[in-house]
Amino acid sequence: MTNFEDVLAQYEPMISASIRKLNIYRDHDSFRQAGRVALWHAWTRFDETKGDFTPFAYRSIRGVMLDEVKKESRFEENIAQVEEELLLDETEIKFDIYFGENNELEAVLAILSPTEREIIQLLFFNDLSLAECAERIGTSVLALKQRKRRILVKLRRKLV
């Protein structure tokens, strides 16, 4: 194992198998490259007196790929949160449009329960903060935030 190209040729199937075992179904090239880099790091750090290279390489490759999956997952969560915030802002703009142009808002709000209508009234028409509204309703800010999101999704379905 003096030449890394030989090691890479020998362990390339292990990298592919790790991709399959982790159920990675997209960006194969980036995960394959991460596996190659992990193999190179394992090859440079390996101490022959401590055992066999194959299990060491496997753990290194798998660990790096799991880290990449976690990074990708965190990135997708952040993107989803930003997109959701943008959608919520668009829904708030639609409230202004519907309220200003005609009286369709009352028909749309009719699908909400009385408590949900009260939340909409306090947040959008009385311009209360989430904390103030949560205090009036008698719930936590986090619970109100989740409820607001569900209400806006319900209204978005009706408006669109």
N, C-alpha and C. Protein backbone atom coordinates (compact mmCIF):
# COMPACT_ATOMS: atom_id res chain seq x y z
N MET A 1 0.83 -1.20 0.00
CA MET A 1 0.00 0.00 0.00
C MET A 1 0.87 1.26 0.00
N THR A 2 1.80 1.30 -0.90
CA THR A 2 2.68 2.46 -0.97
C THR A 2 2.17 3.52 -1.93
N ASN A 3 1.27 3.16 -2.82
CA ASN A 3 0.77 4.09 -3.82
C ASN A 3 -0.74 4.30 -3.60
N PHE A 4 -1.14 5.56 -3.44
CA PHE A 4 -2.55 5.83 -3.14
C PHE A 4 -3.47 5.46 -4.30
N GLU A 5 -3.01 5.58 -5.53
CA GLU A 5 -3.84 5.21 -6.68
C GLU A 5 -4.25 3.74 -6.62
N ASP A 6 -3.32 2.89 -6.17
CA ASP A 6 -3.65 1.47 -6.01
C ASP A 6 -4.67 1.26 -4.90
N VAL A 7 -4.49 1.99 -3.81
CA VAL A 7 -5.43 1.89 -2.68
C VAL A 7 -6.81 2.37 -3.13
N LEU A 8 -6.86 3.47 -3.86
CA LEU A 8 -8.13 4.00 -4.33
C LEU A 8 -8.83 3.01 -5.26
N ALA A 9 -8.08 2.40 -6.16
CA ALA A 9 -8.67 1.42 -7.06
C ALA A 9 -9.23 0.23 -6.29
N GLN A 10 -8.54 -0.17 -5.22
CA GLN A 10 -8.97 -1.32 -4.43
C GLN A 10 -10.21 -0.99 -3.59
N TYR A 11 -10.31 0.23 -3.07
CA TYR A 11 -11.38 0.57 -2.14
C TYR A 11 -12.52 1.39 -2.75
N GLU A 12 -12.46 1.67 -4.02
CA GLU A 12 -13.55 2.38 -4.71
C GLU A 12 -14.89 1.65 -4.57
N PRO A 13 -14.93 0.32 -4.68
CA PRO A 13 -16.20 -0.38 -4.45
C PRO A 13 -16.75 -0.18 -3.03
N MET A 14 -15.86 -0.03 -2.05
CA MET A 14 -16.30 0.21 -0.68
C MET A 14 -17.00 1.57 -0.58
N ILE A 15 -16.50 2.55 -1.29
CA ILE A 15 -17.11 3.88 -1.30
C ILE A 15 -18.51 3.79 -1.92
N SER A 16 -18.62 3.09 -3.03
CA SER A 16 -19.93 2.92 -3.67
C SER A 16 -20.90 2.17 -2.77
N ALA A 17 -20.41 1.14 -2.09
CA ALA A 17 -21.27 0.37 -1.18
C ALA A 17 -21.73 1.23 -0.02
N SER A 18 -20.87 2.11 0.48
CA SER A 18 -21.27 3.00 1.58
C SER A 18 -22.36 3.97 1.14
N ILE A 19 -22.26 4.45 -0.08
CA ILE A 19 -23.30 5.34 -0.62
C ILE A 19 -24.64 4.61 -0.67
N ARG A 20 -24.62 3.36 -1.13
CA ARG A 20 -25.86 2.58 -1.21
C ARG A 20 -26.41 2.27 0.18
N LYS A 21 -25.55 1.88 1.11
CA LYS A 21 -25.99 1.51 2.46
C LYS A 21 -26.59 2.70 3.21
N LEU A 22 -26.10 3.90 2.92
CA LEU A 22 -26.63 5.10 3.57
C LEU A 22 -27.84 5.67 2.84
N ASN A 23 -28.29 4.98 1.81
CA ASN A 23 -29.46 5.40 1.02
C ASN A 23 -29.31 6.81 0.47
N ILE A 24 -28.13 7.10 -0.02
CA ILE A 24 -27.89 8.40 -0.65
C ILE A 24 -28.36 8.28 -2.09
N TYR A 25 -29.33 9.09 -2.46
CA TYR A 25 -29.96 8.94 -3.76
C TYR A 25 -29.71 10.12 -4.69
N ARG A 26 -28.93 11.09 -4.26
CA ARG A 26 -28.60 12.20 -5.15
C ARG A 26 -27.21 12.72 -4.79
N ASP A 27 -26.64 13.51 -5.65
CA ASP A 27 -25.29 14.06 -5.48
C ASP A 27 -24.26 12.96 -5.24
N HIS A 28 -24.36 11.89 -6.00
CA HIS A 28 -23.44 10.77 -5.82
C HIS A 28 -21.99 11.21 -5.99
N ASP A 29 -21.75 12.10 -6.95
CA ASP A 29 -20.37 12.51 -7.21
C ASP A 29 -19.75 13.22 -6.02
N SER A 30 -20.50 14.09 -5.36
CA SER A 30 -19.93 14.80 -4.21
C SER A 30 -19.69 13.84 -3.04
N PHE A 31 -20.59 12.88 -2.84
CA PHE A 31 -20.38 11.91 -1.77
C PHE A 31 -19.23 10.96 -2.12
N ARG A 32 -19.11 10.61 -3.40
CA ARG A 32 -18.00 9.76 -3.82
C ARG A 32 -16.67 10.49 -3.60
N GLN A 33 -16.65 11.78 -3.89
CA GLN A 33 -15.43 12.57 -3.68
C GLN A 33 -15.11 12.68 -2.19
N ALA A 34 -16.13 12.89 -1.37
CA ALA A 34 -15.92 12.94 0.08
C ALA A 34 -15.37 11.61 0.58
N GLY A 35 -15.86 10.51 0.02
CA GLY A 35 -15.34 9.19 0.39
C GLY A 35 -13.89 9.01 -0.02
N ARG A 36 -13.53 9.53 -1.18
CA ARG A 36 -12.14 9.44 -1.64
C ARG A 36 -11.21 10.25 -0.74
N VAL A 37 -11.67 11.44 -0.36
CA VAL A 37 -10.86 12.26 0.53
C VAL A 37 -10.71 11.57 1.89
N ALA A 38 -11.79 10.98 2.38
CA ALA A 38 -11.72 10.25 3.65
C ALA A 38 -10.77 9.07 3.55
N LEU A 39 -10.79 8.38 2.42
CA LEU A 39 -9.87 7.26 2.21
C LEU A 39 -8.43 7.75 2.21
N TRP A 40 -8.19 8.88 1.57
CA TRP A 40 -6.83 9.43 1.55
C TRP A 40 -6.38 9.79 2.96
N HIS A 41 -7.26 10.44 3.74
CA HIS A 41 -6.92 10.78 5.13
C HIS A 41 -6.66 9.52 5.93
N ALA A 42 -7.49 8.51 5.76
CA ALA A 42 -7.29 7.24 6.47
C ALA A 42 -5.95 6.61 6.07
N TRP A 43 -5.62 6.67 4.78
CA TRP A 43 -4.39 6.09 4.28
C TRP A 43 -3.16 6.80 4.88
N THR A 44 -3.24 8.14 5.00
CA THR A 44 -2.11 8.88 5.54
C THR A 44 -1.98 8.73 7.06
N ARG A 45 -3.09 8.51 7.76
CA ARG A 45 -3.06 8.40 9.23
C ARG A 45 -2.87 6.98 9.73
N PHE A 46 -3.04 5.99 8.87
CA PHE A 46 -3.07 4.60 9.32
C PHE A 46 -1.73 4.16 9.90
N ASP A 47 -1.82 3.44 11.03
CA ASP A 47 -0.66 2.86 11.68
C ASP A 47 -0.78 1.35 11.58
N GLU A 48 0.11 0.72 10.83
CA GLU A 48 0.03 -0.72 10.57
C GLU A 48 0.15 -1.56 11.84
N THR A 49 0.73 -1.02 12.87
CA THR A 49 0.89 -1.78 14.11
C THR A 49 -0.42 -1.92 14.87
N LYS A 50 -1.41 -1.13 14.51
CA LYS A 50 -2.68 -1.14 15.24
C LYS A 50 -3.74 -2.01 14.63
N GLY A 51 -3.46 -2.67 13.52
CA GLY A 51 -4.45 -3.57 12.95
C GLY A 51 -4.56 -3.48 11.45
N ASP A 52 -5.70 -3.95 10.95
CA ASP A 52 -5.94 -4.03 9.51
C ASP A 52 -6.46 -2.69 8.99
N PHE A 53 -6.10 -2.36 7.76
CA PHE A 53 -6.49 -1.09 7.16
C PHE A 53 -7.96 -1.06 6.74
N THR A 54 -8.51 -2.18 6.30
CA THR A 54 -9.87 -2.20 5.74
C THR A 54 -10.93 -1.69 6.71
N PRO A 55 -11.02 -2.18 7.95
CA PRO A 55 -12.05 -1.63 8.86
C PRO A 55 -11.83 -0.16 9.18
N PHE A 56 -10.56 0.24 9.28
CA PHE A 56 -10.24 1.64 9.55
C PHE A 56 -10.72 2.53 8.40
N ALA A 57 -10.47 2.07 7.17
CA ALA A 57 -10.91 2.82 5.99
C ALA A 57 -12.43 2.89 5.94
N TYR A 58 -13.09 1.77 6.23
CA TYR A 58 -14.55 1.73 6.18
C TYR A 58 -15.16 2.71 7.18
N ARG A 59 -14.66 2.72 8.42
CA ARG A 59 -15.19 3.65 9.43
C ARG A 59 -14.94 5.10 9.04
N SER A 60 -13.77 5.36 8.47
CA SER A 60 -13.44 6.73 8.06
C SER A 60 -14.36 7.20 6.94
N ILE A 61 -14.56 6.36 5.93
CA ILE A 61 -15.41 6.71 4.80
C ILE A 61 -16.85 6.91 5.25
N ARG A 62 -17.36 5.97 6.02
CA ARG A 62 -18.74 6.05 6.50
C ARG A 62 -18.94 7.29 7.38
N GLY A 63 -17.99 7.58 8.25
CA GLY A 63 -18.10 8.76 9.13
C GLY A 63 -18.16 10.06 8.36
N VAL A 64 -17.32 10.19 7.36
CA VAL A 64 -17.32 11.41 6.55
C VAL A 64 -18.63 11.54 5.77
N MET A 65 -19.12 10.44 5.25
CA MET A 65 -20.38 10.49 4.49
C MET A 65 -21.55 10.84 5.41
N LEU A 66 -21.56 10.30 6.62
CA LEU A 66 -22.61 10.66 7.57
C LEU A 66 -22.55 12.15 7.92
N ASP A 67 -21.33 12.67 8.08
CA ASP A 67 -21.18 14.11 8.33
C ASP A 67 -21.73 14.93 7.17
N GLU A 68 -21.47 14.49 5.95
CA GLU A 68 -21.98 15.20 4.77
C GLU A 68 -23.51 15.16 4.72
N VAL A 69 -24.09 14.01 5.06
CA VAL A 69 -25.55 13.89 5.09
C VAL A 69 -26.13 14.86 6.12
N LYS A 70 -25.50 14.95 7.29
CA LYS A 70 -25.97 15.88 8.33
C LYS A 70 -25.88 17.33 7.86
N LYS A 71 -24.75 17.68 7.22
CA LYS A 71 -24.60 19.05 6.71
C LYS A 71 -25.68 19.37 5.69
N GLU A 72 -25.91 18.44 4.78
CA GLU A 72 -26.93 18.65 3.75
C GLU A 72 -28.31 18.78 4.37
N SER A 73 -28.58 17.98 5.38
CA SER A 73 -29.88 18.03 6.05
C SER A 73 -30.08 19.38 6.73
N ARG A 74 -29.05 19.87 7.43
CA ARG A 74 -29.14 21.18 8.08
C ARG A 74 -29.35 22.28 7.06
N PHE A 75 -28.65 22.20 5.95
CA PHE A 75 -28.78 23.19 4.89
C PHE A 75 -30.21 23.20 4.34
N GLU A 76 -30.76 22.01 4.07
CA GLU A 76 -32.12 21.92 3.55
C GLU A 76 -33.15 22.45 4.55
N GLU A 77 -32.93 22.20 5.85
CA GLU A 77 -33.84 22.73 6.87
C GLU A 77 -33.83 24.25 6.86
N ASN A 78 -32.62 24.83 6.76
CA ASN A 78 -32.52 26.29 6.74
C ASN A 78 -33.18 26.87 5.50
N ILE A 79 -32.99 26.24 4.36
CA ILE A 79 -33.63 26.70 3.13
C ILE A 79 -35.14 26.62 3.27
N ALA A 80 -35.64 25.52 3.83
CA ALA A 80 -37.08 25.36 4.00
C ALA A 80 -37.64 26.43 4.93
N GLN A 81 -36.91 26.79 5.99
CA GLN A 81 -37.38 27.82 6.90
C GLN A 81 -37.44 29.17 6.20
N VAL A 82 -36.44 29.48 5.40
CA VAL A 82 -36.43 30.76 4.68
C VAL A 82 -37.58 30.80 3.68
N GLU A 83 -37.78 29.71 2.95
CA GLU A 83 -38.88 29.67 1.99
C GLU A 83 -40.23 29.81 2.69
N GLU A 84 -40.38 29.17 3.85
CA GLU A 84 -41.62 29.26 4.60
C GLU A 84 -41.88 30.69 5.05
N GLU A 85 -40.82 31.36 5.53
CA GLU A 85 -40.97 32.75 5.95
C GLU A 85 -41.40 33.63 4.77
N LEU A 86 -40.81 33.38 3.60
CA LEU A 86 -41.19 34.14 2.42
C LEU A 86 -42.65 33.89 2.06
N LEU A 87 -43.10 32.64 2.16
CA LEU A 87 -44.50 32.32 1.86
C LEU A 87 -45.43 32.99 2.86
N LEU A 88 -45.03 33.00 4.12
CA LEU A 88 -45.87 33.66 5.13
C LEU A 88 -45.98 35.15 4.85
N ASP A 89 -44.86 35.78 4.43
CA ASP A 89 -44.91 37.19 4.09
C ASP A 89 -45.85 37.44 2.91
N GLU A 90 -45.81 36.55 1.91
CA GLU A 90 -46.71 36.70 0.77
C GLU A 90 -48.16 36.59 1.20
N THR A 91 -48.45 35.70 2.14
CA THR A 91 -49.82 35.54 2.63
C THR A 91 -50.26 36.81 3.34
N GLU A 92 -49.36 37.41 4.11
CA GLU A 92 -49.71 38.66 4.80
C GLU A 92 -50.02 39.76 3.78
N ILE A 93 -49.27 39.81 2.69
CA ILE A 93 -49.54 40.79 1.64
C ILE A 93 -50.90 40.53 1.02
N LYS A 94 -51.24 39.25 0.80
CA LYS A 94 -52.55 38.92 0.22
C LYS A 94 -53.67 39.39 1.13
N PHE A 95 -53.46 39.35 2.46
CA PHE A 95 -54.48 39.86 3.38
C PHE A 95 -54.78 41.32 3.06
N ASP A 96 -53.72 42.11 2.89
CA ASP A 96 -53.91 43.53 2.59
C ASP A 96 -54.64 43.72 1.27
N ILE A 97 -54.27 42.92 0.28
CA ILE A 97 -54.92 43.04 -1.04
C ILE A 97 -56.40 42.70 -0.92
N TYR A 98 -56.73 41.58 -0.30
CA TYR A 98 -58.12 41.16 -0.20
C TYR A 98 -58.93 42.11 0.67
N PHE A 99 -58.31 42.61 1.71
CA PHE A 99 -59.05 43.50 2.59
C PHE A 99 -59.27 44.86 1.92
N GLY A 100 -58.27 45.34 1.18
CA GLY A 100 -58.37 46.66 0.58
C GLY A 100 -59.26 46.70 -0.65
N GLU A 101 -59.27 45.68 -1.49
CA GLU A 101 -59.98 45.74 -2.76
C GLU A 101 -61.46 45.40 -2.64
N ASN A 102 -61.79 44.39 -1.89
CA ASN A 102 -63.19 44.00 -1.78
C ASN A 102 -63.43 43.27 -0.46
N ASN A 103 -64.58 42.70 -0.31
CA ASN A 103 -64.94 42.11 0.97
C ASN A 103 -64.79 40.58 0.96
N GLU A 104 -63.90 40.06 0.15
CA GLU A 104 -63.68 38.61 0.09
C GLU A 104 -63.03 38.09 1.37
N LEU A 105 -62.40 38.98 2.12
CA LEU A 105 -61.70 38.55 3.33
C LEU A 105 -62.64 37.89 4.32
N GLU A 106 -63.83 38.42 4.47
CA GLU A 106 -64.79 37.82 5.41
C GLU A 106 -65.15 36.40 5.00
N ALA A 107 -65.31 36.17 3.72
CA ALA A 107 -65.63 34.83 3.24
C ALA A 107 -64.47 33.87 3.49
N VAL A 108 -63.25 34.35 3.31
CA VAL A 108 -62.08 33.51 3.54
C VAL A 108 -61.92 33.21 5.02
N LEU A 109 -62.11 34.22 5.85
CA LEU A 109 -61.96 34.03 7.30
C LEU A 109 -63.06 33.15 7.89
N ALA A 110 -64.13 32.95 7.16
CA ALA A 110 -65.23 32.13 7.66
C ALA A 110 -64.83 30.66 7.83
N ILE A 111 -63.77 30.23 7.17
CA ILE A 111 -63.33 28.83 7.32
C ILE A 111 -62.59 28.62 8.65
N LEU A 112 -62.24 29.70 9.35
CA LEU A 112 -61.50 29.59 10.59
C LEU A 112 -62.42 29.46 11.79
N SER A 113 -61.90 28.85 12.84
CA SER A 113 -62.64 28.77 14.10
C SER A 113 -62.62 30.15 14.75
N PRO A 114 -63.49 30.38 15.73
CA PRO A 114 -63.50 31.70 16.39
C PRO A 114 -62.15 32.06 17.01
N THR A 115 -61.47 31.10 17.60
CA THR A 115 -60.15 31.39 18.19
C THR A 115 -59.14 31.74 17.12
N GLU A 116 -59.18 31.02 16.00
CA GLU A 116 -58.26 31.32 14.91
C GLU A 116 -58.52 32.71 14.34
N ARG A 117 -59.80 33.08 14.22
CA ARG A 117 -60.13 34.44 13.75
C ARG A 117 -59.62 35.48 14.73
N GLU A 118 -59.71 35.19 16.01
CA GLU A 118 -59.22 36.12 17.02
C GLU A 118 -57.70 36.30 16.89
N ILE A 119 -57.00 35.21 16.66
CA ILE A 119 -55.54 35.28 16.48
C ILE A 119 -55.19 36.15 15.28
N ILE A 120 -55.89 35.93 14.17
CA ILE A 120 -55.67 36.74 12.96
C ILE A 120 -55.96 38.21 13.25
N GLN A 121 -57.06 38.46 13.93
CA GLN A 121 -57.44 39.83 14.28
C GLN A 121 -56.35 40.51 15.10
N LEU A 122 -55.87 39.81 16.13
CA LEU A 122 -54.86 40.39 17.01
C LEU A 122 -53.52 40.61 16.31
N LEU A 123 -53.11 39.64 15.52
CA LEU A 123 -51.79 39.72 14.89
C LEU A 123 -51.75 40.68 13.70
N PHE A 124 -52.77 40.62 12.84
CA PHE A 124 -52.68 41.35 11.58
C PHE A 124 -53.45 42.67 11.57
N PHE A 125 -54.53 42.73 12.29
CA PHE A 125 -55.33 43.95 12.25
C PHE A 125 -55.06 44.85 13.45
N ASN A 126 -54.73 44.25 14.61
CA ASN A 126 -54.40 45.06 15.79
C ASN A 126 -52.90 45.24 15.94
N ASP A 127 -52.12 44.60 15.07
CA ASP A 127 -50.66 44.69 15.05
C ASP A 127 -50.00 44.37 16.39
N LEU A 128 -50.50 43.35 17.07
CA LEU A 128 -49.87 42.92 18.31
C LEU A 128 -48.69 42.02 17.98
N SER A 129 -47.71 42.01 18.86
CA SER A 129 -46.58 41.10 18.68
C SER A 129 -47.03 39.69 19.07
N LEU A 130 -46.20 38.71 18.73
CA LEU A 130 -46.52 37.34 19.09
C LEU A 130 -46.62 37.18 20.61
N ALA A 131 -45.72 37.84 21.33
CA ALA A 131 -45.73 37.74 22.80
C ALA A 131 -47.01 38.33 23.38
N GLU A 132 -47.43 39.49 22.87
CA GLU A 132 -48.66 40.12 23.36
C GLU A 132 -49.88 39.27 23.04
N CYS A 133 -49.91 38.76 21.84
CA CYS A 133 -51.04 37.93 21.42
C CYS A 133 -51.08 36.63 22.23
N ALA A 134 -49.93 36.02 22.45
CA ALA A 134 -49.87 34.77 23.23
C ALA A 134 -50.37 35.01 24.65
N GLU A 135 -50.04 36.16 25.20
CA GLU A 135 -50.50 36.48 26.55
C GLU A 135 -52.02 36.63 26.59
N ARG A 136 -52.58 37.30 25.60
CA ARG A 136 -54.04 37.47 25.55
C ARG A 136 -54.77 36.16 25.35
N ILE A 137 -54.22 35.30 24.50
CA ILE A 137 -54.87 34.01 24.20
C ILE A 137 -54.65 33.03 25.35
N GLY A 138 -53.54 33.20 26.08
CA GLY A 138 -53.25 32.29 27.18
C GLY A 138 -52.45 31.08 26.75
N THR A 139 -51.46 31.30 25.88
CA THR A 139 -50.62 30.21 25.40
C THR A 139 -49.18 30.71 25.31
N SER A 140 -48.26 29.82 24.97
CA SER A 140 -46.86 30.22 24.83
C SER A 140 -46.62 30.83 23.45
N VAL A 141 -45.53 31.56 23.33
CA VAL A 141 -45.18 32.18 22.05
C VAL A 141 -44.90 31.10 21.00
N LEU A 142 -44.22 30.04 21.42
CA LEU A 142 -43.91 28.96 20.48
C LEU A 142 -45.18 28.30 19.97
N ALA A 143 -46.12 28.02 20.87
CA ALA A 143 -47.38 27.40 20.45
C ALA A 143 -48.15 28.33 19.51
N LEU A 144 -48.14 29.63 19.82
CA LEU A 144 -48.84 30.59 18.97
C LEU A 144 -48.17 30.69 17.60
N LYS A 145 -46.86 30.64 17.58
CA LYS A 145 -46.13 30.70 16.31
C LYS A 145 -46.52 29.51 15.43
N GLN A 146 -46.58 28.32 16.00
CA GLN A 146 -46.97 27.13 15.25
C GLN A 146 -48.43 27.23 14.79
N ARG A 147 -49.27 27.73 15.66
CA ARG A 147 -50.69 27.86 15.32
C ARG A 147 -50.87 28.87 14.19
N LYS A 148 -50.13 29.97 14.26
CA LYS A 148 -50.18 30.99 13.21
C LYS A 148 -49.78 30.39 11.88
N ARG A 149 -48.72 29.59 11.88
CA ARG A 149 -48.27 28.95 10.65
C ARG A 149 -49.36 28.05 10.08
N ARG A 150 -50.01 27.26 10.93
CA ARG A 150 -51.08 26.36 10.46
C ARG A 150 -52.27 27.16 9.93
N ILE A 151 -52.61 28.25 10.59
CA ILE A 151 -53.72 29.10 10.14
C ILE A 151 -53.41 29.68 8.77
N LEU A 152 -52.17 30.18 8.60
CA LEU A 152 -51.80 30.78 7.32
C LEU A 152 -51.78 29.75 6.20
N VAL A 153 -51.37 28.53 6.52
CA VAL A 153 -51.41 27.47 5.51
C VAL A 153 -52.85 27.20 5.10
N LYS A 154 -53.73 27.15 6.08
CA LYS A 154 -55.15 26.93 5.81
C LYS A 154 -55.71 28.05 4.93
N LEU A 155 -55.38 29.29 5.26
CA LEU A 155 -55.86 30.43 4.48
C LEU A 155 -55.24 30.47 3.08
N ARG A 156 -53.96 30.09 2.99
CA ARG A 156 -53.30 30.08 1.70
C ARG A 156 -54.00 29.10 0.76
N ARG A 157 -54.40 27.95 1.27
CA ARG A 157 -55.12 26.97 0.44
C ARG A 157 -56.43 27.56 -0.07
N LYS A 158 -57.09 28.31 0.76
CA LYS A 158 -58.37 28.91 0.37
C LYS A 158 -58.16 30.05 -0.62
N LEU A 159 -57.09 30.82 -0.44
CA LEU A 159 -56.85 31.99 -1.29
C LEU A 159 -56.32 31.60 -2.67
N VAL A 160 -55.55 30.56 -2.73
CA VAL A 160 -54.90 30.22 -4.00
C VAL A 160 -55.72 29.29 -4.82
